[in-house]
C-alpha atoms as a PDB file:
ATOM      1  CA  MET A   1       4.853 -20.329  -8.963  1.00  0.00           C
ATOM      2  CA  LYS A   2       2.582 -17.516  -7.422  1.00  0.00           C
ATOM      3  CA  TYR A   3       3.397 -14.971 -10.285  1.00  0.00           C
ATOM      4  CA  ARG A   4       3.072 -17.412 -13.176  1.00  0.00           C
ATOM      5  CA  LEU A   5      -0.596 -18.175 -11.818  1.00  0.00           C
ATOM      6  CA  PHE A   6      -1.324 -14.503 -11.243  1.00  0.00           C
ATOM      7  CA  ILE A   7      -0.251 -13.998 -14.986  1.00  0.00           C
ATOM      8  CA  PHE A   8      -2.341 -16.942 -15.711  1.00  0.00           C
ATOM      9  CA  LEU A   9      -5.558 -15.623 -14.317  1.00  0.00           C
ATOM     10  CA  ILE A  10      -4.762 -12.331 -15.890  1.00  0.00           C
ATOM     11  CA  GLY A  11      -5.331 -13.929 -19.113  1.00  0.00           C
ATOM     12  CA  ILE A  12      -8.563 -15.957 -18.278  1.00  0.00           C
ATOM     13  CA  LEU A  13     -10.432 -12.986 -16.839  1.00  0.00           C
ATOM     14  CA  PHE A  14      -9.274 -10.451 -19.253  1.00  0.00           C
ATOM     15  CA  SER A  15     -12.422  -9.079 -20.905  1.00  0.00           C
ATOM     16  CA  GLY A  16     -12.797  -8.115 -24.955  1.00  0.00           C
ATOM     17  CA  ASN A  17     -14.303  -4.727 -23.820  1.00  0.00           C
ATOM     18  CA  ALA A  18     -12.754  -2.035 -25.847  1.00  0.00           C
ATOM     19  CA  LEU A  19     -12.720   0.445 -23.079  1.00  0.00           C
ATOM     20  CA  ALA A  20     -11.947  -2.252 -20.403  1.00  0.00           C
ATOM     21  CA  ALA A  21      -8.482  -2.365 -19.071  1.00  0.00           C
ATOM     22  CA  TYR A  22      -6.518  -3.910 -16.245  1.00  0.00           C
ATOM     23  CA  THR A  23      -5.392  -0.672 -14.721  1.00  0.00           C
ATOM     24  CA  ALA A  24      -5.083  -1.364 -11.143  1.00  0.00           C
ATOM     25  CA  ASN A  25      -4.378  -3.647  -8.089  1.00  0.00           C
ATOM     26  CA  ILE A  26      -5.821  -3.494  -4.648  1.00  0.00           C
ATOM     27  CA  SER A  27      -4.499  -5.833  -1.723  1.00  0.00           C
ATOM     28  CA  SER A  28      -7.198  -6.433   0.990  1.00  0.00           C
ATOM     29  CA  THR A  29      -8.933  -9.060   3.162  1.00  0.00           C
ATOM     30  CA  ILE A  30     -12.253 -10.348   1.833  1.00  0.00           C
ATOM     31  CA  SER A  31     -15.485  -9.070   4.088  1.00  0.00           C
ATOM     32  CA  TRP A  32     -18.291 -11.050   2.256  1.00  0.00           C
ATOM     33  CA  VAL A  33     -18.655 -13.549  -0.385  1.00  0.00           C
ATOM     34  CA  LYS A  34     -21.932 -14.265  -2.120  1.00  0.00           C
ATOM     35  CA  ILE A  35     -23.287 -16.486  -5.073  1.00  0.00           C
ATOM     36  CA  TYR A  36     -26.445 -14.954  -6.898  1.00  0.00           C
ATOM     37  CA  ASN A  37     -28.168 -17.055  -9.875  1.00  0.00           C
ATOM     38  CA  SER A  38     -26.053 -20.075  -8.931  1.00  0.00           C
ATOM     39  CA  ASP A  39     -23.016 -18.796 -11.028  1.00  0.00           C
ATOM     40  CA  THR A  40     -22.413 -15.170 -10.493  1.00  0.00           C
ATOM     41  CA  ILE A  41     -19.727 -14.634  -7.584  1.00  0.00           C
ATOM     42  CA  TYR A  42     -19.817 -11.342  -5.869  1.00  0.00           C
ATOM     43  CA  PHE A  43     -17.260 -10.329  -2.951  1.00  0.00           C
ATOM     44  CA  GLY A  44     -16.474  -7.362  -0.939  1.00  0.00           C
ATOM     45  CA  ILE A  45     -13.148  -6.138   0.483  1.00  0.00           C
ATOM     46  CA  ALA A  46     -12.039  -4.646   4.098  1.00  0.00           C
ATOM     47  CA  SER A  47      -9.952  -1.530   2.045  1.00  0.00           C
ATOM     48  CA  THR A  48     -11.566   1.256   0.352  1.00  0.00           C
ATOM     49  CA  PHE A  49     -10.688   1.622  -3.566  1.00  0.00           C
ATOM     50  CA  THR A  50     -11.210   3.833  -6.346  1.00  0.00           C
ATOM     51  CA  SER A  51     -13.672   2.734  -9.165  1.00  0.00           C
ATOM     52  CA  GLN A  52     -15.763   4.041 -12.088  1.00  0.00           C
ATOM     53  CA  CYS A  53     -18.407   1.482 -11.155  1.00  0.00           C
ATOM     54  CA  PRO A  54     -21.617   2.320  -8.938  1.00  0.00           C
ATOM     55  CA  SER A  55     -21.012  -0.335  -6.358  1.00  0.00           C
ATOM     56  CA  ALA A  56     -18.015  -0.976  -4.227  1.00  0.00           C
ATOM     57  CA  TYR A  57     -17.740  -4.430  -4.321  1.00  0.00           C
ATOM     58  CA  PHE A  58     -16.315  -7.279  -7.027  1.00  0.00           C
ATOM     59  CA  VAL A  59     -17.729  -9.510  -9.449  1.00  0.00           C
ATOM     60  CA  LEU A  60     -16.371 -12.707 -11.366  1.00  0.00           C
ATOM     61  CA  ASP A  61     -17.059 -12.636 -15.176  1.00  0.00           C
ATOM     62  CA  THR A  62     -19.769 -15.005 -15.805  1.00  0.00           C
ATOM     63  CA  SER A  63     -17.872 -16.248 -18.824  1.00  0.00           C
ATOM     64  CA  ILE A  64     -15.423 -18.395 -16.762  1.00  0.00           C
ATOM     65  CA  THR A  65     -15.889 -21.963 -16.721  1.00  0.00           C
ATOM     66  CA  GLU A  66     -17.653 -23.822 -14.057  1.00  0.00           C
ATOM     67  CA  GLU A  67     -14.426 -25.418 -12.774  1.00  0.00           C
ATOM     68  CA  GLN A  68     -12.881 -21.929 -12.821  1.00  0.00           C
ATOM     69  CA  ARG A  69     -15.911 -20.343 -10.816  1.00  0.00           C
ATOM     70  CA  LYS A  70     -15.641 -23.512  -8.278  1.00  0.00           C
ATOM     71  CA  ARG A  71     -11.717 -22.705  -7.695  1.00  0.00           C
ATOM     72  CA  TYR A  72     -12.156 -18.878  -7.509  1.00  0.00           C
ATOM     73  CA  TYR A  73     -14.958 -19.391  -5.061  1.00  0.00           C
ATOM     74  CA  SER A  74     -12.807 -21.831  -2.851  1.00  0.00           C
ATOM     75  CA  MET A  75      -9.956 -19.271  -3.044  1.00  0.00           C
ATOM     76  CA  LEU A  76     -12.363 -16.575  -1.856  1.00  0.00           C
ATOM     77  CA  LEU A  77     -13.959 -18.537   1.088  1.00  0.00           C
ATOM     78  CA  THR A  78     -10.562 -19.488   2.133  1.00  0.00           C
ATOM     79  CA  ALA A  79      -9.067 -15.913   2.035  1.00  0.00           C
ATOM     80  CA  LYS A  80     -12.076 -15.111   3.969  1.00  0.00           C
ATOM     81  CA  THR A  81     -11.707 -17.651   6.545  1.00  0.00           C
ATOM     82  CA  THR A  82      -8.499 -17.297   7.258  1.00  0.00           C
ATOM     83  CA  GLN A  83      -8.151 -13.612   6.840  1.00  0.00           C
ATOM     84  CA  THR A  84      -5.432 -14.142   4.076  1.00  0.00           C
ATOM     85  CA  THR A  85      -4.998 -10.965   2.091  1.00  0.00           C
ATOM     86  CA  VAL A  86      -5.884 -11.205  -1.737  1.00  0.00           C
ATOM     87  CA  ILE A  87      -4.460  -9.204  -4.356  1.00  0.00           C
ATOM     88  CA  ILE A  88      -7.329  -7.984  -6.762  1.00  0.00           C
ATOM     89  CA  GLY A  89      -6.839  -6.592 -10.331  1.00  0.00           C
ATOM     90  CA  TYR A  90      -9.586  -4.408 -11.839  1.00  0.00           C
ATOM     91  CA  ASP A  91     -10.023  -1.287 -13.851  1.00  0.00           C
ATOM     92  CA  ASP A  92     -10.116   1.978 -12.010  1.00  0.00           C
ATOM     93  CA  GLN A  93     -10.149   4.090 -15.196  1.00  0.00           C
ATOM     94  CA  ASN A  94     -13.090   2.915 -17.213  1.00  0.00           C
ATOM     95  CA  PRO A  95     -16.433   1.718 -15.960  1.00  0.00           C
ATOM     96  CA  ASP A  96     -15.844  -1.879 -16.590  1.00  0.00           C
ATOM     97  CA  CYS A  97     -18.713  -3.245 -14.626  1.00  0.00           C
ATOM     98  CA  ILE A  98     -20.946  -6.139 -14.318  1.00  0.00           C
ATOM     99  CA  ALA A  99     -24.478  -5.460 -12.581  1.00  0.00           C
ATOM    100  CA  ASN A 100     -22.614  -2.122 -11.306  1.00  0.00           C
ATOM    101  CA  ALA A 101     -20.278  -4.217  -9.591  1.00  0.00           C
ATOM    102  CA  ASN A 102     -16.262  -4.265 -10.429  1.00  0.00           C
ATOM    103  CA  LYS A 103     -15.236  -6.706 -12.809  1.00  0.00           C
ATOM    104  CA  VAL A 104     -12.270  -8.583 -11.464  1.00  0.00           C
ATOM    105  CA  HIS A 105      -9.434  -9.286 -14.267  1.00  0.00           C
ATOM    106  CA  ALA A 106      -7.200 -10.753 -12.100  1.00  0.00           C
ATOM    107  CA  LEU A 107      -7.200 -12.691  -8.607  1.00  0.00           C
ATOM    108  CA  ASP A 108      -4.308 -14.061  -6.340  1.00  0.00           C
ATOM    109  CA  MET A 109      -3.982 -14.753  -2.560  1.00  0.00           C
ATOM    110  CA  HIS A 110      -0.652 -13.730  -1.108  1.00  0.00           C
END
């Protein structure tokens, strides 16, 4: 079930950017979660990671639906509160950034 959800999320969060690709996964706990402009969700993780973006944190694509945004926000808060490990899919080869943060292509909880 988890793997089907993970693959489903990859499809939802995949960008149309020609250079962007889902090239890396990282497992970590969540350090912080913030919302800006009522719909942009940023979060930081405890682990260090390789990236082409200037900021060492992640952002969910703003093109996802409000329902999806609420689900992911809930997932992130749950992971933060319980210190559950999450798996984040992102692009570590190209600058696939939103407002200098690394765009998430996939997100799952262990």
